[in-house]
Amino acid sequence: MAFAARRQPRAILWATAGVIALGFLVALEIAARHYGQPGPITNQVKEVVFAPKSGPLLYASMALMMVVLTWRQRFIAVGAAVGIDIVFFLVRWAVDAKMMFGNGALWVVLACAVIAVTRRTGRERVLLLKGVGLGLLLVAGRKTGDAWLLITSKTRPTVLDQYVATADHALGDPSWLAGRIVQATGPVGAHVLDYVYIQLAVAAVLVAVYQLRNVATERRFPGHHLVRTFLVIGLLGPGIYMIFPVVGPIFAYGTDGGHWAVADLWPDTLVPLTAPQHMPFDEITPRNCMPSLHTAWATAIFIHSRKGPRILRFGGAFWLVATLGATLGFGYHYGTDIIAGVVFTLTIEAALRALDRGWDRAGVQLVAYGTAVFTAFLVSYRYLPVQMAEYPWVFGPLLILATASVIYGYIRTTKMWEPKAAPVRQPERQPELV
């Protein structure tokens, strides 16, 4: 009776969260339909039969779901997914349709949901449904992100790139420098960075699967893991896009912007110092630069990989460095976006860790400080860009110092939160009998 009483508030909380998430998806579906495009629900349902947009993402979501299964069940799930995909491959090849794998993984995840409802009871049902929900959340996050990007391009006719590019002078215009470096590496370097940039979610799943490796045996999920941080970043980030719409240097100052670009300057010619202003842009390009969510997610991967084995720590560091190189080197982001993304992630990560362990004074101070620094970044980029460009040796170090202070505060606070190992008590030495 006491166990049921304890579980009732949590069940109500999960039910409320599910209703809110469903309502959010329906709202995005309606908004996308308003602009003549299918929404996240439609796109996800289509992938049950039609060629998915990303096969690796669907298999990554299945891998997340399988953390709740036994090894025997995992082998069966993988075998079933591969078998279904082979059938789809042969049918598509026969009718000359678009080729892509991943339907099998989605079918397996949906089948596990049906099994949980019809064949499982009690804690086993709850655990399996949580695994299915975790896998579907990864896919739904990608679909809702696509819908958000569409909405930003349709509802924000002007962008703030001139302000951000001017403020970026204080950091030495790192995107222009990285762009020339990527060009110098040739197609090999560009292909490596492009793969890292596109498959960020797959890297996150590898780290998350390691964190959740004991779920099947312990029959419960840990209080905090990477997937939570990923989802919150993806939930809050697009809201900032709506407040601070920016398309990026390759569009605003490069060939990809077409006639909407200020000029063809990136990455060979720096932006001249002039008074910035709002600039109109097309209704296709997403306003998804401020902050850099790819940097935010790569930072989260790096943080959560620190307690893994050496190969996982190396992979987390590589993915962060390569993602920074791609975001800057391909002209997708300014340096100001990058440091804002780092502060954004550390603030969210600190809040989630504090929520898991219980809020204390250090947690409140760190989250408040990170929020203040992030807000100060946005305000300064918008209202002080000319001053920042005219005095780079003042504002550049200030921006780096502010970012470093949040990093230091996060490291110091989380280290304080780590459980202290109690010293082993030595047995008292008995006096020798003479």
Protein backbone atom coordinates (compact mmCIF):
# COMPACT_ATOMS: atom_id res chain seq x y z
CA MET A 1 0.00 0.00 0.00
CA ALA A 2 2.81 2.38 0.90
CA PHE A 3 4.62 1.52 -2.37
CA ALA A 4 1.50 2.31 -4.38
CA ALA A 5 1.07 5.59 -2.54
CA ARG A 6 4.64 6.59 -3.32
CA ARG A 7 4.25 5.75 -7.00
CA GLN A 8 0.98 7.62 -7.52
CA PRO A 9 2.45 11.16 -7.62
CA ARG A 10 5.19 10.02 -10.01
CA ALA A 11 2.60 8.35 -12.25
CA ILE A 12 0.60 11.57 -12.30
CA LEU A 13 3.77 13.51 -13.17
CA TRP A 14 4.61 11.18 -16.08
CA ALA A 15 1.02 11.31 -17.34
CA THR A 16 1.05 15.12 -17.22
CA ALA A 17 4.37 15.26 -19.04
CA GLY A 18 3.02 12.89 -21.70
CA VAL A 19 -0.08 15.02 -22.26
CA ILE A 20 2.02 18.18 -22.54
CA ALA A 21 4.41 16.51 -25.00
CA LEU A 22 1.52 15.24 -27.12
CA GLY A 23 -0.09 18.68 -27.12
CA PHE A 24 3.22 20.24 -28.17
CA LEU A 25 3.56 17.78 -31.07
CA VAL A 26 -0.01 18.48 -32.19
CA ALA A 27 0.65 22.24 -32.06
CA LEU A 28 3.79 21.85 -34.18
CA GLU A 29 1.86 19.64 -36.61
CA ILE A 30 -0.82 22.31 -37.01
CA ALA A 31 1.80 25.06 -37.42
CA ALA A 32 3.70 23.10 -40.08
CA ARG A 33 0.47 22.33 -41.94
CA HIS A 34 -0.33 26.04 -41.88
CA TYR A 35 2.83 26.62 -43.92
CA GLY A 36 2.08 23.80 -46.33
CA GLN A 37 4.50 21.24 -44.90
CA PRO A 38 3.92 17.94 -43.03
CA GLY A 39 4.55 18.16 -39.31
CA PRO A 40 6.51 15.90 -36.95
CA ILE A 41 3.66 13.42 -36.41
CA THR A 42 3.04 12.96 -40.13
CA ASN A 43 6.73 12.60 -40.91
CA GLN A 44 7.16 9.98 -38.21
CA VAL A 45 4.14 7.95 -39.29
CA LYS A 46 5.38 7.98 -42.90
CA GLU A 47 8.64 6.33 -41.84
CA VAL A 48 6.77 3.19 -40.82
CA VAL A 49 6.52 2.37 -44.54
CA PHE A 50 8.38 4.96 -46.60
CA ALA A 51 12.14 5.53 -46.71
CA PRO A 52 13.28 7.21 -43.47
CA LYS A 53 15.22 10.45 -43.47
CA SER A 54 17.95 8.94 -41.27
CA GLY A 55 18.40 5.20 -40.89
CA PRO A 56 21.28 5.52 -38.38
CA LEU A 57 19.05 7.65 -36.14
CA LEU A 58 16.33 4.98 -36.07
CA TYR A 59 18.82 2.25 -35.20
CA ALA A 60 20.28 4.55 -32.54
CA SER A 61 16.80 4.96 -31.06
CA MET A 62 16.37 1.18 -31.05
CA ALA A 63 19.71 0.85 -29.27
CA LEU A 64 18.43 3.20 -26.56
CA MET A 65 15.27 1.17 -26.21
CA MET A 66 17.24 -2.08 -25.90
CA VAL A 67 18.94 -1.02 -22.66
CA VAL A 68 15.87 -2.43 -20.88
CA LEU A 69 16.09 -5.82 -22.65
CA THR A 70 18.07 -8.93 -21.81
CA TRP A 71 20.90 -10.01 -24.12
CA ARG A 72 18.74 -12.71 -25.67
CA GLN A 73 15.97 -10.20 -26.35
CA ARG A 74 18.50 -7.77 -27.84
CA PHE A 75 19.75 -10.35 -30.33
CA ILE A 76 16.16 -11.14 -31.33
CA ALA A 77 15.36 -7.42 -31.73
CA VAL A 78 18.40 -6.74 -33.90
CA GLY A 79 17.77 -9.81 -36.01
CA ALA A 80 14.13 -8.82 -36.55
CA ALA A 81 15.09 -5.23 -37.47
CA VAL A 82 17.70 -6.34 -39.99
CA GLY A 83 15.33 -8.94 -41.50
CA ILE A 84 12.55 -6.36 -41.94
CA ASP A 85 14.99 -3.92 -43.52
CA ILE A 86 16.17 -6.57 -45.99
CA VAL A 87 12.57 -7.10 -47.09
CA PHE A 88 12.04 -3.34 -47.49
CA PHE A 89 15.34 -3.09 -49.40
CA LEU A 90 14.31 -5.78 -51.88
CA VAL A 91 10.88 -4.22 -52.43
CA ARG A 92 12.34 -0.75 -52.98
CA TRP A 93 14.97 -2.13 -55.31
CA ALA A 94 12.28 -3.93 -57.31
CA VAL A 95 10.08 -0.83 -57.71
CA ASP A 96 13.05 1.56 -58.08
CA ALA A 97 12.08 3.59 -55.00
CA LYS A 98 14.30 5.70 -52.75
CA MET A 99 16.74 3.49 -50.85
CA MET A 100 17.22 3.91 -47.10
CA PHE A 101 17.28 1.53 -44.14
CA GLY A 102 15.79 2.03 -40.69
CA ASN A 103 12.16 0.92 -41.03
CA GLY A 104 13.01 -2.34 -39.30
CA ALA A 105 14.34 -0.55 -36.25
CA LEU A 106 11.18 1.55 -35.99
CA TRP A 107 8.99 -1.55 -36.36
CA VAL A 108 10.87 -3.27 -33.54
CA VAL A 109 10.45 -0.26 -31.22
CA LEU A 110 6.72 -0.09 -31.95
CA ALA A 111 6.40 -3.87 -31.50
CA CYS A 112 8.00 -3.58 -28.06
CA ALA A 113 5.40 -0.96 -27.15
CA VAL A 114 2.63 -3.38 -28.13
CA ILE A 115 4.30 -6.22 -26.18
CA ALA A 116 4.61 -3.99 -23.11
CA VAL A 117 0.89 -3.21 -23.16
CA THR A 118 -0.38 -6.70 -24.01
CA ARG A 119 2.18 -9.13 -22.57
CA ARG A 120 3.82 -7.40 -19.60
CA THR A 121 2.55 -6.34 -16.19
CA GLY A 122 3.74 -4.32 -13.23
CA ARG A 123 7.32 -3.10 -13.14
CA GLU A 124 8.29 -5.03 -16.29
CA ARG A 125 5.63 -3.17 -18.28
CA VAL A 126 6.70 0.20 -16.88
CA LEU A 127 10.38 -0.47 -17.58
CA LEU A 128 9.74 -1.59 -21.16
CA LEU A 129 7.47 1.38 -21.84
CA LYS A 130 10.16 3.71 -20.50
CA GLY A 131 12.66 2.12 -22.88
CA VAL A 132 10.28 2.53 -25.81
CA GLY A 133 9.58 6.11 -24.79
CA LEU A 134 13.30 6.86 -24.58
CA GLY A 135 13.86 5.54 -28.10
CA LEU A 136 10.88 7.35 -29.58
CA LEU A 137 11.85 10.59 -27.85
CA LEU A 138 15.13 10.63 -29.76
CA VAL A 139 13.28 10.32 -33.07
CA ALA A 140 10.53 12.73 -32.05
CA GLY A 141 13.16 15.26 -31.00
CA ARG A 142 14.64 15.18 -34.51
CA LYS A 143 11.21 15.60 -36.11
CA THR A 144 10.15 18.44 -33.81
CA GLY A 145 13.49 20.13 -34.47
CA ASP A 146 12.81 20.05 -38.21
CA ALA A 147 9.37 21.57 -37.62
CA TRP A 148 10.85 24.29 -35.40
CA LEU A 149 13.39 25.21 -38.07
CA LEU A 150 10.59 25.56 -40.60
CA ILE A 151 8.67 27.84 -38.25
CA THR A 152 11.72 30.07 -37.62
CA SER A 153 12.22 30.58 -41.35
CA LYS A 154 8.57 31.46 -41.91
CA THR A 155 7.94 33.69 -38.89
CA ARG A 156 11.21 35.67 -38.72
CA PRO A 157 11.54 37.60 -41.99
CA THR A 158 14.59 39.56 -40.78
CA VAL A 159 17.78 38.27 -39.17
CA LEU A 160 20.45 39.73 -36.86
CA ASP A 161 23.55 38.43 -38.65
CA GLN A 162 25.06 41.88 -39.13
CA TYR A 163 25.00 42.44 -35.37
CA VAL A 164 26.54 39.04 -34.59
CA ALA A 165 29.17 39.32 -37.35
CA THR A 166 30.21 42.74 -36.07
CA ALA A 167 30.44 41.50 -32.48
CA ASP A 168 32.42 38.50 -33.77
CA HIS A 169 35.32 40.86 -34.58
CA ALA A 170 36.05 40.85 -30.84
CA LEU A 171 36.87 37.13 -31.09
CA GLY A 172 38.97 37.49 -34.23
CA ASP A 173 36.32 36.21 -36.70
CA PRO A 174 37.05 32.50 -36.04
CA SER A 175 34.58 31.26 -38.66
CA TRP A 176 36.53 33.00 -41.43
CA LEU A 177 39.78 31.47 -40.19
CA ALA A 178 38.29 27.97 -39.75
CA GLY A 179 36.67 28.19 -43.19
CA ARG A 180 40.03 28.78 -44.85
CA ILE A 181 41.58 25.92 -42.86
CA VAL A 182 38.83 23.49 -43.94
CA GLN A 183 39.28 24.57 -47.56
CA ALA A 184 43.02 23.92 -47.26
CA THR A 185 42.43 20.34 -45.98
CA GLY A 186 40.60 19.45 -49.18
CA PRO A 187 37.74 16.95 -49.57
CA VAL A 188 39.05 14.47 -46.97
CA GLY A 189 38.89 16.91 -44.06
CA ALA A 190 35.53 18.25 -45.23
CA HIS A 191 34.02 14.75 -45.47
CA VAL A 192 35.22 13.79 -41.98
CA LEU A 193 33.83 16.95 -40.41
CA ASP A 194 30.58 16.62 -42.34
CA TYR A 195 30.08 13.06 -41.07
CA VAL A 196 30.75 14.13 -37.48
CA TYR A 197 28.36 17.06 -37.84
CA ILE A 198 25.52 14.96 -39.28
CA GLN A 199 25.86 11.92 -36.97
CA LEU A 200 25.96 13.82 -33.69
CA ALA A 201 22.88 11.97 -32.37
CA VAL A 202 24.56 8.61 -33.00
CA ALA A 203 27.57 9.66 -30.92
CA ALA A 204 25.22 10.74 -28.16
CA VAL A 205 23.51 7.35 -28.19
CA LEU A 206 26.85 5.56 -27.76
CA VAL A 207 27.53 7.56 -24.60
CA ALA A 208 23.94 7.18 -23.37
CA VAL A 209 23.97 3.40 -23.92
CA TYR A 210 27.12 3.16 -21.80
CA GLN A 211 25.47 5.21 -19.04
CA LEU A 212 22.33 3.06 -19.18
CA ARG A 213 24.12 -0.31 -19.56
CA ASN A 214 22.91 -1.60 -16.17
CA VAL A 215 19.24 -0.68 -16.53
CA ALA A 216 18.18 -4.22 -17.52
CA THR A 217 19.78 -5.78 -14.43
CA GLU A 218 18.97 -3.02 -11.92
CA ARG A 219 15.42 -2.63 -13.31
CA ARG A 220 15.57 1.16 -13.07
CA PHE A 221 17.02 4.17 -14.86
CA PRO A 222 19.66 6.40 -13.26
CA GLY A 223 18.51 9.77 -11.98
CA HIS A 224 20.43 11.77 -14.60
CA HIS A 225 21.87 10.80 -17.96
CA LEU A 226 22.80 12.33 -21.31
CA VAL A 227 19.42 11.87 -22.97
CA ARG A 228 17.79 14.22 -20.46
CA THR A 229 20.29 16.97 -21.25
CA PHE A 230 19.91 16.40 -24.99
CA LEU A 231 16.14 16.72 -24.83
CA VAL A 232 16.14 19.87 -22.71
CA ILE A 233 18.70 21.52 -25.01
CA GLY A 234 16.51 20.68 -27.99
CA LEU A 235 13.42 21.97 -26.21
CA LEU A 236 14.81 25.34 -25.06
CA GLY A 237 17.18 26.11 -27.94
CA PRO A 238 14.57 26.81 -30.65
CA GLY A 239 12.90 29.28 -28.31
CA ILE A 240 16.11 31.34 -28.39
CA TYR A 241 16.08 31.11 -32.19
CA MET A 242 12.75 32.88 -32.19
CA ILE A 243 14.13 35.67 -29.99
CA PHE A 244 17.51 36.00 -31.72
CA PRO A 245 17.17 34.86 -35.39
CA VAL A 246 20.52 34.34 -37.15
CA VAL A 247 21.24 32.31 -40.31
CA GLY A 248 25.05 32.06 -40.21
CA PRO A 249 28.01 33.42 -42.23
CA ILE A 250 27.75 30.97 -45.16
CA PHE A 251 24.25 32.35 -45.83
CA ALA A 252 24.50 35.99 -44.77
CA TYR A 253 27.99 36.55 -46.22
CA GLY A 254 28.52 33.58 -48.56
CA THR A 255 27.39 31.93 -51.75
CA ASP A 256 24.64 29.87 -50.08
CA GLY A 257 22.70 33.04 -49.34
CA GLY A 258 22.21 33.89 -53.01
CA HIS A 259 20.90 37.38 -53.63
CA TRP A 260 19.85 37.65 -49.97
CA ALA A 261 23.48 37.73 -48.80
CA VAL A 262 25.12 41.05 -47.99
CA ALA A 263 28.03 40.11 -50.24
CA ASP A 264 30.16 37.08 -51.15
CA LEU A 265 32.71 37.55 -48.36
CA TRP A 266 32.98 34.25 -46.45
CA PRO A 267 35.61 32.93 -45.84
CA ASP A 268 38.12 35.00 -47.86
CA THR A 269 37.19 38.58 -46.92
CA LEU A 270 36.35 39.85 -43.46
CA VAL A 271 33.14 41.78 -42.89
CA PRO A 272 33.85 45.54 -42.98
CA LEU A 273 33.07 47.45 -39.81
CA THR A 274 29.85 49.35 -40.43
CA ALA A 275 26.73 50.11 -38.43
CA PRO A 276 24.75 46.81 -38.29
CA GLN A 277 21.07 46.60 -39.02
CA HIS A 278 18.29 44.06 -39.44
CA MET A 279 18.49 42.35 -42.81
CA PRO A 280 15.66 40.58 -44.65
CA PHE A 281 16.19 36.97 -45.61
CA ASP A 282 14.37 34.17 -47.44
CA GLU A 283 11.61 31.98 -46.00
CA ILE A 284 13.60 28.77 -46.42
CA THR A 285 16.83 29.09 -44.42
CA PRO A 286 16.40 28.23 -40.69
CA ARG A 287 17.34 30.93 -38.17
CA ASN A 288 19.19 28.36 -36.06
CA CYS A 289 22.52 29.90 -35.10
CA MET A 290 22.17 31.56 -31.71
CA PRO A 291 23.15 29.62 -29.72
CA SER A 292 24.95 26.83 -31.58
CA LEU A 293 23.00 23.75 -30.53
CA HIS A 294 25.48 21.45 -32.26
CA THR A 295 28.13 22.91 -29.96
CA ALA A 296 25.74 22.57 -27.03
CA TRP A 297 25.06 18.89 -27.76
CA ALA A 298 28.73 18.13 -28.42
CA THR A 299 29.61 19.78 -25.10
CA ALA A 300 27.03 17.59 -23.36
CA ILE A 301 28.54 14.49 -24.99
CA PHE A 302 31.99 15.56 -23.81
CA ILE A 303 30.79 16.10 -20.23
CA HIS A 304 28.97 12.78 -19.97
CA SER A 305 31.82 10.81 -21.54
CA ARG A 306 34.29 11.85 -18.83
CA LYS A 307 33.40 8.94 -16.54
CA GLY A 308 33.52 6.30 -19.25
CA PRO A 309 36.42 4.12 -20.39
CA ARG A 310 39.37 5.68 -22.20
CA ILE A 311 38.00 5.07 -25.68
CA LEU A 312 34.72 6.79 -24.75
CA ARG A 313 36.55 9.76 -23.23
CA PHE A 314 38.69 10.05 -26.36
CA GLY A 315 35.60 9.82 -28.56
CA GLY A 316 33.81 12.54 -26.59
CA ALA A 317 36.78 14.87 -26.89
CA PHE A 318 37.17 14.13 -30.61
CA TRP A 319 33.48 14.74 -31.28
CA LEU A 320 33.59 18.09 -29.48
CA VAL A 321 36.69 19.32 -31.33
CA ALA A 322 35.43 18.04 -34.71
CA THR A 323 31.99 19.58 -34.15
CA LEU A 324 33.56 22.95 -33.35
CA GLY A 325 35.65 22.64 -36.50
CA ALA A 326 32.59 21.78 -38.59
CA THR A 327 30.28 24.47 -37.20
CA LEU A 328 32.89 27.17 -37.80
CA GLY A 329 34.66 25.70 -40.83
CA PHE A 330 31.50 25.16 -42.86
CA GLY A 331 30.29 28.68 -42.09
CA TYR A 332 27.26 27.54 -40.12
CA HIS A 333 28.09 29.58 -37.01
CA TYR A 334 29.98 32.57 -35.69
CA GLY A 335 32.41 32.39 -32.77
CA THR A 336 29.87 34.24 -30.64
CA ASP A 337 27.37 31.42 -31.22
CA ILE A 338 29.92 28.88 -30.03
CA ILE A 339 30.66 30.39 -26.64
CA ALA A 340 26.96 31.04 -26.11
CA GLY A 341 26.29 27.35 -26.81
CA VAL A 342 28.87 26.27 -24.22
CA VAL A 343 27.37 28.49 -21.52
CA PHE A 344 23.86 27.38 -22.52
CA THR A 345 24.76 23.70 -22.05
CA LEU A 346 26.61 24.08 -18.76
CA THR A 347 23.68 26.01 -17.30
CA ILE A 348 21.16 23.35 -18.36
CA GLU A 349 23.42 20.51 -17.20
CA ALA A 350 23.89 22.18 -13.80
CA ALA A 351 20.13 22.65 -13.44
CA LEU A 352 19.38 19.01 -14.26
CA ARG A 353 22.05 17.73 -11.89
CA ALA A 354 20.75 20.01 -9.13
CA LEU A 355 17.20 18.81 -9.81
CA ASP A 356 18.33 15.19 -9.52
CA ARG A 357 20.28 15.55 -6.28
CA GLY A 358 18.19 18.30 -4.67
CA TRP A 359 18.65 22.03 -5.03
CA ASP A 360 21.19 23.69 -2.76
CA ARG A 361 22.79 27.12 -2.61
CA ALA A 362 25.68 26.18 -4.90
CA GLY A 363 23.30 24.81 -7.54
CA VAL A 364 21.06 27.88 -7.49
CA GLN A 365 24.05 30.21 -7.73
CA LEU A 366 25.59 28.32 -10.64
CA VAL A 367 22.36 28.20 -12.66
CA ALA A 368 21.65 31.87 -11.95
CA TYR A 369 25.18 32.86 -12.91
CA GLY A 370 25.11 30.83 -16.14
CA THR A 371 21.75 32.35 -17.06
CA ALA A 372 23.08 35.85 -16.37
CA VAL A 373 26.18 35.31 -18.52
CA PHE A 374 24.12 33.86 -21.39
CA THR A 375 21.70 36.78 -21.23
CA ALA A 376 24.60 39.26 -21.12
CA PHE A 377 26.03 37.66 -24.27
CA LEU A 378 22.77 38.12 -26.20
CA VAL A 379 22.29 41.68 -24.99
CA SER A 380 25.86 42.70 -25.82
CA TYR A 381 25.69 41.10 -29.29
CA ARG A 382 22.53 43.06 -30.02
CA TYR A 383 23.26 46.46 -28.46
CA LEU A 384 27.08 46.73 -28.24
CA PRO A 385 28.42 45.10 -31.43
CA VAL A 386 30.16 48.20 -32.76
CA GLN A 387 31.92 48.88 -29.46
CA MET A 388 32.94 45.22 -29.27
CA ALA A 389 34.43 45.39 -32.76
CA GLU A 390 36.25 48.68 -32.11
CA TYR A 391 37.85 47.43 -28.87
CA PRO A 392 38.53 43.71 -29.52
CA TRP A 393 41.39 43.57 -27.00
CA VAL A 394 38.91 44.56 -24.29
CA PHE A 395 35.73 42.69 -25.24
CA GLY A 396 37.41 39.58 -26.66
CA PRO A 397 39.13 38.64 -23.38
CA LEU A 398 35.96 39.58 -21.48
CA LEU A 399 33.89 37.14 -23.55
CA ILE A 400 36.45 34.35 -23.11
CA LEU A 401 36.82 35.12 -19.40
CA ALA A 402 33.05 35.04 -18.87
CA THR A 403 32.83 31.66 -20.64
CA ALA A 404 35.79 30.30 -18.67
CA SER A 405 34.22 31.47 -15.40
CA VAL A 406 31.07 29.44 -16.12
CA ILE A 407 33.21 26.41 -16.99
CA TYR A 408 35.21 26.82 -13.78
CA GLY A 409 32.04 27.26 -11.72
CA TYR A 410 30.53 24.13 -13.22
CA ILE A 411 33.65 22.01 -12.59
CA ARG A 412 34.03 23.32 -9.04
CA THR A 413 30.35 22.85 -8.12
CA THR A 414 29.92 19.39 -9.64
CA LYS A 415 33.14 18.21 -8.03
CA MET A 416 31.74 19.37 -4.70
CA TRP A 417 28.59 17.35 -5.43
CA GLU A 418 30.53 14.14 -6.01
CA PRO A 419 30.09 11.62 -3.17
CA LYS A 420 33.10 11.56 -0.90
CA ALA A 421 34.73 8.21 -0.35
CA ALA A 422 34.76 7.41 3.35
CA PRO A 423 38.23 6.46 4.66
CA VAL A 424 38.60 2.82 5.63
CA ARG A 425 38.74 2.49 9.37
CA GLN A 426 41.78 0.60 10.54
CA PRO A 427 41.19 -2.03 13.22
CA GLU A 428 42.52 -1.10 16.61
CA ARG A 429 45.74 -2.86 17.50
CA GLN A 430 45.36 -5.09 20.48
CA PRO A 431 48.05 -4.70 23.12
CA GLU A 432 50.46 -7.59 23.21
CA LEU A 433 50.48 -9.74 26.27
CA VAL A 434 53.85 -9.89 27.95
